[in-house]
Amino acid sequence: MELSHAATLTGAILVVGSAEKKISGGYTSDLLSDVMAHAKTGDALVTIQAHKNTVAVASLVGAPAIFICNNRPIPEDMIEAAAAEDIALLKTALSQFEASGRLWSAFSPS
């Protein structure tokens, strides 16, 4: 799925990166060690962890995008790190539950 479609589904705004990037699934967690252990390459990370360490973990697991939920403020160093790692960063007012549900529904067979 293109990020532009995922952004529309979640009401997210693209903070940095390309809306043409593709995601193949998603992983929701605020525990970065859990993300490292279980996220798959191509998954978008859905979280409230708005700091540059989240970008490092996304890069490590091959996540092309991070959705920051609950309209959390995103610090400039996180934006810079995402740009440097070529990871799209999106911000949504939705909770992690709502954002994950909308993304999951789009990937699930009808």
N, C-alpha and C. Protein backbone atom coordinates (compact mmCIF):
# COMPACT_ATOMS: atom_id res chain seq x y z
N MET A 1 0.85 -1.17 0.00
CA MET A 1 0.00 0.00 0.00
C MET A 1 0.90 1.23 0.00
N GLU A 2 0.53 2.21 -0.78
CA GLU A 2 1.28 3.47 -0.76
C GLU A 2 0.95 4.25 0.51
N LEU A 3 1.95 4.96 1.01
CA LEU A 3 1.75 5.76 2.22
C LEU A 3 0.68 6.81 2.04
N SER A 4 0.52 7.34 0.83
CA SER A 4 -0.52 8.34 0.61
C SER A 4 -1.89 7.76 0.96
N HIS A 5 -2.13 6.49 0.63
CA HIS A 5 -3.40 5.84 0.96
C HIS A 5 -3.49 5.60 2.47
N ALA A 6 -2.40 5.13 3.06
CA ALA A 6 -2.38 4.90 4.51
C ALA A 6 -2.61 6.20 5.28
N ALA A 7 -2.05 7.29 4.77
CA ALA A 7 -2.24 8.59 5.41
C ALA A 7 -3.71 9.01 5.34
N THR A 8 -4.34 8.78 4.20
CA THR A 8 -5.76 9.12 4.06
C THR A 8 -6.60 8.29 5.03
N LEU A 9 -6.31 7.01 5.14
CA LEU A 9 -7.06 6.13 6.04
C LEU A 9 -6.97 6.57 7.50
N THR A 10 -5.82 7.09 7.87
CA THR A 10 -5.58 7.43 9.28
C THR A 10 -5.67 8.93 9.56
N GLY A 11 -5.97 9.71 8.53
CA GLY A 11 -6.01 11.17 8.71
C GLY A 11 -4.66 11.75 9.08
N ALA A 12 -3.61 11.08 8.65
CA ALA A 12 -2.25 11.50 9.01
C ALA A 12 -1.72 12.54 8.05
N ILE A 13 -0.82 13.36 8.57
CA ILE A 13 -0.09 14.29 7.72
C ILE A 13 1.34 13.79 7.60
N LEU A 14 1.90 13.96 6.42
CA LEU A 14 3.28 13.55 6.18
C LEU A 14 4.19 14.65 6.69
N VAL A 15 5.03 14.34 7.66
CA VAL A 15 5.94 15.30 8.25
C VAL A 15 7.24 15.37 7.44
N VAL A 16 7.73 14.20 7.05
CA VAL A 16 8.95 14.12 6.23
C VAL A 16 8.91 12.80 5.47
N GLY A 17 9.50 12.79 4.29
CA GLY A 17 9.58 11.58 3.49
C GLY A 17 8.63 11.59 2.31
N SER A 18 8.58 10.48 1.62
CA SER A 18 7.79 10.36 0.40
C SER A 18 6.48 9.64 0.65
N ALA A 19 5.39 10.23 0.15
CA ALA A 19 4.07 9.60 0.24
C ALA A 19 3.94 8.45 -0.73
N GLU A 20 4.93 8.28 -1.62
CA GLU A 20 4.90 7.19 -2.59
C GLU A 20 5.56 5.92 -2.07
N LYS A 21 6.17 6.00 -0.88
CA LYS A 21 6.75 4.80 -0.28
C LYS A 21 5.66 3.76 -0.10
N LYS A 22 6.05 2.51 -0.11
CA LYS A 22 5.10 1.42 0.07
C LYS A 22 5.33 0.73 1.42
N ILE A 23 4.21 0.33 2.03
CA ILE A 23 4.28 -0.48 3.24
C ILE A 23 3.57 -1.80 2.95
N SER A 24 4.04 -2.86 3.58
CA SER A 24 3.44 -4.17 3.35
C SER A 24 2.66 -4.68 4.55
N GLY A 25 2.64 -3.90 5.61
CA GLY A 25 1.93 -4.26 6.83
C GLY A 25 2.22 -3.23 7.89
N GLY A 26 2.00 -3.61 9.13
CA GLY A 26 2.26 -2.68 10.22
C GLY A 26 2.59 -3.41 11.50
N TYR A 27 3.20 -2.68 12.41
CA TYR A 27 3.49 -3.21 13.73
C TYR A 27 3.27 -2.09 14.73
N THR A 28 2.49 -2.36 15.78
CA THR A 28 2.16 -1.35 16.77
C THR A 28 2.78 -1.72 18.11
N SER A 29 3.60 -0.82 18.63
CA SER A 29 4.21 -1.03 19.94
C SER A 29 4.91 0.26 20.38
N ASP A 30 4.96 0.44 21.68
CA ASP A 30 5.74 1.54 22.26
C ASP A 30 7.01 1.02 22.91
N LEU A 31 7.17 -0.27 22.95
CA LEU A 31 8.35 -0.88 23.53
C LEU A 31 9.30 -1.20 22.38
N LEU A 32 10.36 -0.41 22.25
CA LEU A 32 11.23 -0.53 21.09
C LEU A 32 11.93 -1.87 20.99
N SER A 33 12.21 -2.51 22.13
CA SER A 33 12.80 -3.85 22.07
C SER A 33 11.81 -4.84 21.48
N ASP A 34 10.53 -4.64 21.72
CA ASP A 34 9.49 -5.48 21.13
C ASP A 34 9.45 -5.28 19.61
N VAL A 35 9.58 -4.05 19.17
CA VAL A 35 9.62 -3.75 17.74
C VAL A 35 10.81 -4.45 17.11
N MET A 36 11.97 -4.37 17.74
CA MET A 36 13.17 -5.02 17.20
C MET A 36 12.99 -6.53 17.10
N ALA A 37 12.27 -7.11 18.03
CA ALA A 37 12.10 -8.57 18.06
C ALA A 37 11.03 -9.06 17.09
N HIS A 38 10.03 -8.22 16.77
CA HIS A 38 8.87 -8.76 16.05
C HIS A 38 8.46 -8.05 14.77
N ALA A 39 8.84 -6.81 14.56
CA ALA A 39 8.43 -6.11 13.33
C ALA A 39 9.14 -6.73 12.14
N LYS A 40 8.45 -6.69 11.00
CA LYS A 40 9.00 -7.25 9.77
C LYS A 40 9.39 -6.13 8.82
N THR A 41 10.36 -6.42 7.97
CA THR A 41 10.74 -5.47 6.93
C THR A 41 9.50 -5.10 6.13
N GLY A 42 9.30 -3.81 5.91
CA GLY A 42 8.15 -3.33 5.15
C GLY A 42 6.99 -2.89 6.01
N ASP A 43 7.01 -3.25 7.31
CA ASP A 43 5.96 -2.81 8.22
C ASP A 43 6.09 -1.33 8.54
N ALA A 44 4.97 -0.65 8.61
CA ALA A 44 4.95 0.70 9.18
C ALA A 44 4.88 0.54 10.69
N LEU A 45 5.61 1.36 11.40
CA LEU A 45 5.59 1.34 12.86
C LEU A 45 4.54 2.33 13.34
N VAL A 46 3.63 1.87 14.19
CA VAL A 46 2.59 2.72 14.77
C VAL A 46 2.89 2.84 16.25
N THR A 47 3.09 4.09 16.73
CA THR A 47 3.59 4.28 18.10
C THR A 47 3.29 5.70 18.60
N ILE A 48 3.55 5.91 19.88
CA ILE A 48 3.54 7.28 20.43
C ILE A 48 4.95 7.70 20.81
N GLN A 49 5.94 6.86 20.55
CA GLN A 49 7.32 7.15 20.90
C GLN A 49 7.92 8.15 19.91
N ALA A 50 7.81 9.42 20.25
CA ALA A 50 8.27 10.49 19.35
C ALA A 50 9.66 10.96 19.77
N HIS A 51 10.66 10.16 19.41
CA HIS A 51 12.05 10.55 19.64
C HIS A 51 12.93 9.84 18.62
N LYS A 52 14.16 10.29 18.50
CA LYS A 52 15.01 9.78 17.42
C LYS A 52 15.40 8.33 17.58
N ASN A 53 15.34 7.77 18.79
CA ASN A 53 15.63 6.35 18.96
C ASN A 53 14.61 5.48 18.21
N THR A 54 13.39 5.98 18.08
CA THR A 54 12.36 5.27 17.33
C THR A 54 12.78 5.15 15.87
N VAL A 55 13.39 6.19 15.34
CA VAL A 55 13.87 6.16 13.95
C VAL A 55 14.99 5.13 13.82
N ALA A 56 15.88 5.07 14.79
CA ALA A 56 16.97 4.09 14.74
C ALA A 56 16.43 2.67 14.72
N VAL A 57 15.42 2.40 15.52
CA VAL A 57 14.82 1.07 15.56
C VAL A 57 14.09 0.78 14.24
N ALA A 58 13.36 1.75 13.71
CA ALA A 58 12.68 1.57 12.43
C ALA A 58 13.68 1.24 11.33
N SER A 59 14.81 1.92 11.34
CA SER A 59 15.86 1.66 10.37
C SER A 59 16.41 0.25 10.53
N LEU A 60 16.63 -0.16 11.76
CA LEU A 60 17.17 -1.49 12.06
C LEU A 60 16.26 -2.60 11.53
N VAL A 61 14.95 -2.44 11.67
CA VAL A 61 14.02 -3.50 11.25
C VAL A 61 13.54 -3.35 9.82
N GLY A 62 13.91 -2.26 9.16
CA GLY A 62 13.49 -2.07 7.78
C GLY A 62 12.09 -1.51 7.62
N ALA A 63 11.65 -0.74 8.61
CA ALA A 63 10.33 -0.09 8.53
C ALA A 63 10.45 1.17 7.68
N PRO A 64 9.68 1.28 6.61
CA PRO A 64 9.78 2.45 5.74
C PRO A 64 9.07 3.69 6.27
N ALA A 65 8.26 3.50 7.34
CA ALA A 65 7.46 4.63 7.84
C ALA A 65 7.14 4.46 9.31
N ILE A 66 6.95 5.61 9.97
CA ILE A 66 6.54 5.64 11.37
C ILE A 66 5.31 6.55 11.47
N PHE A 67 4.26 6.02 12.08
CA PHE A 67 3.07 6.82 12.38
C PHE A 67 3.13 7.19 13.86
N ILE A 68 3.18 8.49 14.14
CA ILE A 68 3.14 8.98 15.51
C ILE A 68 1.68 9.32 15.81
N CYS A 69 1.14 8.70 16.86
CA CYS A 69 -0.29 8.83 17.17
C CYS A 69 -0.56 9.88 18.26
N ASN A 70 -1.84 10.15 18.46
CA ASN A 70 -2.34 11.07 19.49
C ASN A 70 -1.84 12.50 19.32
N ASN A 71 -1.50 12.85 18.06
CA ASN A 71 -1.00 14.21 17.77
C ASN A 71 0.17 14.60 18.66
N ARG A 72 0.99 13.64 19.00
CA ARG A 72 2.18 13.93 19.80
C ARG A 72 3.09 14.89 19.05
N PRO A 73 3.68 15.83 19.75
CA PRO A 73 4.65 16.70 19.08
C PRO A 73 5.88 15.89 18.66
N ILE A 74 6.41 16.20 17.50
CA ILE A 74 7.56 15.48 16.97
C ILE A 74 8.77 16.41 17.03
N PRO A 75 9.79 16.06 17.79
CA PRO A 75 10.95 16.93 17.91
C PRO A 75 11.76 17.00 16.61
N GLU A 76 12.42 18.11 16.44
CA GLU A 76 13.19 18.35 15.22
C GLU A 76 14.27 17.30 15.01
N ASP A 77 14.92 16.83 16.08
CA ASP A 77 15.97 15.83 15.88
C ASP A 77 15.40 14.50 15.36
N MET A 78 14.15 14.20 15.68
CA MET A 78 13.52 13.01 15.13
C MET A 78 13.23 13.19 13.64
N ILE A 79 12.77 14.37 13.27
CA ILE A 79 12.50 14.68 11.86
C ILE A 79 13.78 14.59 11.05
N GLU A 80 14.86 15.16 11.60
CA GLU A 80 16.16 15.11 10.91
C GLU A 80 16.67 13.68 10.77
N ALA A 81 16.50 12.88 11.83
CA ALA A 81 16.95 11.49 11.78
C ALA A 81 16.15 10.70 10.75
N ALA A 82 14.84 10.91 10.69
CA ALA A 82 14.00 10.22 9.72
C ALA A 82 14.40 10.59 8.29
N ALA A 83 14.67 11.86 8.07
CA ALA A 83 15.10 12.31 6.74
C ALA A 83 16.43 11.66 6.37
N ALA A 84 17.35 11.61 7.31
CA ALA A 84 18.67 11.03 7.05
C ALA A 84 18.59 9.52 6.77
N GLU A 85 17.64 8.84 7.40
CA GLU A 85 17.48 7.39 7.22
C GLU A 85 16.49 7.04 6.12
N ASP A 86 15.92 8.05 5.46
CA ASP A 86 14.91 7.86 4.41
C ASP A 86 13.71 7.07 4.93
N ILE A 87 13.25 7.45 6.10
CA ILE A 87 12.05 6.86 6.71
C ILE A 87 10.98 7.94 6.74
N ALA A 88 9.82 7.62 6.21
CA ALA A 88 8.71 8.57 6.22
C ALA A 88 8.18 8.69 7.64
N LEU A 89 7.83 9.90 8.01
CA LEU A 89 7.31 10.17 9.35
C LEU A 89 5.95 10.83 9.18
N LEU A 90 4.94 10.22 9.81
CA LEU A 90 3.57 10.73 9.70
C LEU A 90 3.01 10.97 11.09
N LYS A 91 2.09 11.91 11.18
CA LYS A 91 1.48 12.27 12.46
C LYS A 91 -0.04 12.20 12.31
N THR A 92 -0.70 11.53 13.26
CA THR A 92 -2.14 11.40 13.24
C THR A 92 -2.74 11.71 14.61
N ALA A 93 -3.96 12.20 14.60
CA ALA A 93 -4.68 12.45 15.85
C ALA A 93 -5.26 11.17 16.44
N LEU A 94 -5.31 10.12 15.63
CA LEU A 94 -5.89 8.86 16.10
C LEU A 94 -5.03 8.22 17.18
N SER A 95 -5.69 7.40 18.00
CA SER A 95 -4.95 6.57 18.96
C SER A 95 -4.26 5.44 18.20
N GLN A 96 -3.37 4.76 18.86
CA GLN A 96 -2.70 3.62 18.23
C GLN A 96 -3.72 2.54 17.85
N PHE A 97 -4.71 2.34 18.70
CA PHE A 97 -5.75 1.35 18.44
C PHE A 97 -6.50 1.69 17.15
N GLU A 98 -6.93 2.95 17.04
CA GLU A 98 -7.69 3.35 15.85
C GLU A 98 -6.84 3.32 14.59
N ALA A 99 -5.64 3.85 14.66
CA ALA A 99 -4.76 3.87 13.48
C ALA A 99 -4.44 2.45 13.04
N SER A 100 -4.11 1.58 13.99
CA SER A 100 -3.79 0.20 13.66
C SER A 100 -4.99 -0.52 13.06
N GLY A 101 -6.16 -0.28 13.60
CA GLY A 101 -7.37 -0.91 13.09
C GLY A 101 -7.66 -0.51 11.66
N ARG A 102 -7.50 0.76 11.37
CA ARG A 102 -7.75 1.24 10.00
C ARG A 102 -6.74 0.66 9.03
N LEU A 103 -5.48 0.61 9.42
CA LEU A 103 -4.46 0.02 8.55
C LEU A 103 -4.70 -1.48 8.38
N TRP A 104 -4.98 -2.16 9.45
CA TRP A 104 -5.22 -3.60 9.39
C TRP A 104 -6.39 -3.91 8.45
N SER A 105 -7.46 -3.13 8.57
CA SER A 105 -8.64 -3.35 7.72
C SER A 105 -8.29 -3.22 6.24
N ALA A 106 -7.41 -2.33 5.92
CA ALA A 106 -7.03 -2.12 4.52
C ALA A 106 -6.22 -3.29 3.98
N PHE A 107 -5.53 -4.00 4.85
CA PHE A 107 -4.72 -5.15 4.42
C PHE A 107 -5.49 -6.46 4.49
N SER A 108 -6.62 -6.47 5.18
CA SER A 108 -7.37 -7.71 5.36
C SER A 108 -8.28 -7.98 4.18
N PRO A 109 -8.44 -9.24 3.82
CA PRO A 109 -9.38 -9.57 2.74
C PRO A 109 -10.81 -9.22 3.15
N SER A 110 -11.58 -8.83 2.19
CA SER A 110 -12.98 -8.44 2.47
C SER A 110 -13.85 -9.63 2.78
